[in-house]
Amino acid sequence: MLILVLASLFGVHPMIAELKLQKDIMDAVEYKSQFGKLHGLSAVMYLVLSILGLILVVFGLRRPSLDRI
């Protein structure tokens, strides 16, 4: 999970910010295409992080049963 967060924070988000700065000098079709790809990648990463977080909450916070002790 940490790797996905770092990749998103230091990889995808700076690329999106850079792309937004270049919006005025880029072709509209090219901008929309690149922005859509990066936004889609960011959304997929967020979805995976959310699912992994849910799995961690559901399965990671179980108390050990008395049978295991």
C-alpha atoms as a PDB file:
ATOM      1  CA  MET A   1       0.000   0.000   0.000  1.00  0.00           C
ATOM      2  CA  LEU A   2       2.815   2.357   0.847  1.00  0.00           C
ATOM      3  CA  ILE A   3       4.349   1.876  -2.594  1.00  0.00           C
ATOM      4  CA  LEU A   4       1.046   2.795  -4.283  1.00  0.00           C
ATOM      5  CA  VAL A   5       0.664   5.896  -2.121  1.00  0.00           C
ATOM      6  CA  LEU A   6       4.222   7.035  -2.882  1.00  0.00           C
ATOM      7  CA  ALA A   7       3.815   6.320  -6.599  1.00  0.00           C
ATOM      8  CA  SER A   8       0.640   8.349  -6.656  1.00  0.00           C
ATOM      9  CA  LEU A   9       2.000  11.199  -4.549  1.00  0.00           C
ATOM     10  CA  PHE A  10       5.394  11.562  -6.203  1.00  0.00           C
ATOM     11  CA  GLY A  11       4.642  10.137  -9.648  1.00  0.00           C
ATOM     12  CA  VAL A  12       1.143  10.615 -10.993  1.00  0.00           C
ATOM     13  CA  HIS A  13       0.097  13.789  -9.178  1.00  0.00           C
ATOM     14  CA  PRO A  14       3.164  15.825 -10.218  1.00  0.00           C
ATOM     15  CA  MET A  15       2.652  14.682 -13.822  1.00  0.00           C
ATOM     16  CA  ILE A  16      -0.962  15.867 -13.701  1.00  0.00           C
ATOM     17  CA  ALA A  17       0.111  19.204 -12.207  1.00  0.00           C
ATOM     18  CA  GLU A  18       2.766  19.627 -14.911  1.00  0.00           C
ATOM     19  CA  LEU A  19       0.228  18.783 -17.574  1.00  0.00           C
ATOM     20  CA  LYS A  20      -2.181  21.399 -16.215  1.00  0.00           C
ATOM     21  CA  LEU A  21       0.570  24.021 -16.468  1.00  0.00           C
ATOM     22  CA  GLN A  22       1.132  23.118 -20.136  1.00  0.00           C
ATOM     23  CA  LYS A  23      -2.578  23.225 -20.961  1.00  0.00           C
ATOM     24  CA  ASP A  24      -2.370  26.547 -22.826  1.00  0.00           C
ATOM     25  CA  ILE A  25       0.450  25.496 -25.154  1.00  0.00           C
ATOM     26  CA  MET A  26      -0.794  21.960 -25.903  1.00  0.00           C
ATOM     27  CA  ASP A  27      -3.280  20.820 -28.479  1.00  0.00           C
ATOM     28  CA  ALA A  28      -6.706  20.306 -26.850  1.00  0.00           C
ATOM     29  CA  VAL A  29      -7.061  16.743 -28.115  1.00  0.00           C
ATOM     30  CA  GLU A  30      -3.582  15.752 -26.934  1.00  0.00           C
ATOM     31  CA  TYR A  31      -4.187  17.404 -23.545  1.00  0.00           C
ATOM     32  CA  LYS A  32      -7.497  15.617 -23.041  1.00  0.00           C
ATOM     33  CA  SER A  33      -5.950  12.305 -24.025  1.00  0.00           C
ATOM     34  CA  GLN A  34      -2.968  12.587 -21.684  1.00  0.00           C
ATOM     35  CA  PHE A  35      -5.026  14.002 -18.837  1.00  0.00           C
ATOM     36  CA  GLY A  36      -7.592  11.228 -19.237  1.00  0.00           C
ATOM     37  CA  LYS A  37      -4.909   8.548 -19.091  1.00  0.00           C
ATOM     38  CA  LEU A  38      -3.288  10.023 -15.986  1.00  0.00           C
ATOM     39  CA  HIS A  39      -6.636  10.605 -14.310  1.00  0.00           C
ATOM     40  CA  GLY A  40      -7.664   7.029 -15.073  1.00  0.00           C
ATOM     41  CA  LEU A  41      -4.400   5.706 -13.654  1.00  0.00           C
ATOM     42  CA  SER A  42      -4.881   7.802 -10.523  1.00  0.00           C
ATOM     43  CA  ALA A  43      -8.462   6.544 -10.132  1.00  0.00           C
ATOM     44  CA  VAL A  44      -7.388   2.902 -10.494  1.00  0.00           C
ATOM     45  CA  MET A  45      -4.623   3.393  -7.943  1.00  0.00           C
ATOM     46  CA  TYR A  46      -7.106   4.976  -5.530  1.00  0.00           C
ATOM     47  CA  LEU A  47      -9.541   2.096  -6.045  1.00  0.00           C
ATOM     48  CA  VAL A  48      -6.832  -0.495  -5.359  1.00  0.00           C
ATOM     49  CA  LEU A  49      -5.732   1.406  -2.242  1.00  0.00           C
ATOM     50  CA  SER A  50      -9.324   1.579  -1.009  1.00  0.00           C
ATOM     51  CA  ILE A  51      -9.845  -2.155  -1.514  1.00  0.00           C
ATOM     52  CA  LEU A  52      -6.552  -2.992   0.181  1.00  0.00           C
ATOM     53  CA  GLY A  53      -7.454  -0.712   3.070  1.00  0.00           C
ATOM     54  CA  LEU A  54     -10.836  -2.392   3.431  1.00  0.00           C
ATOM     55  CA  ILE A  55      -9.177  -5.818   3.418  1.00  0.00           C
ATOM     56  CA  LEU A  56      -6.755  -4.620   6.076  1.00  0.00           C
ATOM     57  CA  VAL A  57      -9.574  -3.352   8.262  1.00  0.00           C
ATOM     58  CA  VAL A  58     -11.689  -6.476   7.876  1.00  0.00           C
ATOM     59  CA  PHE A  59      -8.984  -9.120   8.207  1.00  0.00           C
ATOM     60  CA  GLY A  60      -6.146  -7.283   9.905  1.00  0.00           C
ATOM     61  CA  LEU A  61      -7.949  -6.123  13.006  1.00  0.00           C
ATOM     62  CA  ARG A  62      -9.348  -9.438  14.169  1.00  0.00           C
ATOM     63  CA  ARG A  63      -8.606 -10.347  17.727  1.00  0.00           C
ATOM     64  CA  PRO A  64      -6.777 -13.617  18.158  1.00  0.00           C
ATOM     65  CA  SER A  65      -9.099 -16.358  19.338  1.00  0.00           C
ATOM     66  CA  LEU A  66      -8.473 -18.114  22.629  1.00  0.00           C
ATOM     67  CA  ASP A  67      -7.853 -21.365  20.732  1.00  0.00           C
ATOM     68  CA  ARG A  68      -4.665 -19.954  19.197  1.00  0.00           C
ATOM     69  CA  ILE A  69      -3.158 -18.846  22.509  1.00  0.00           C
END
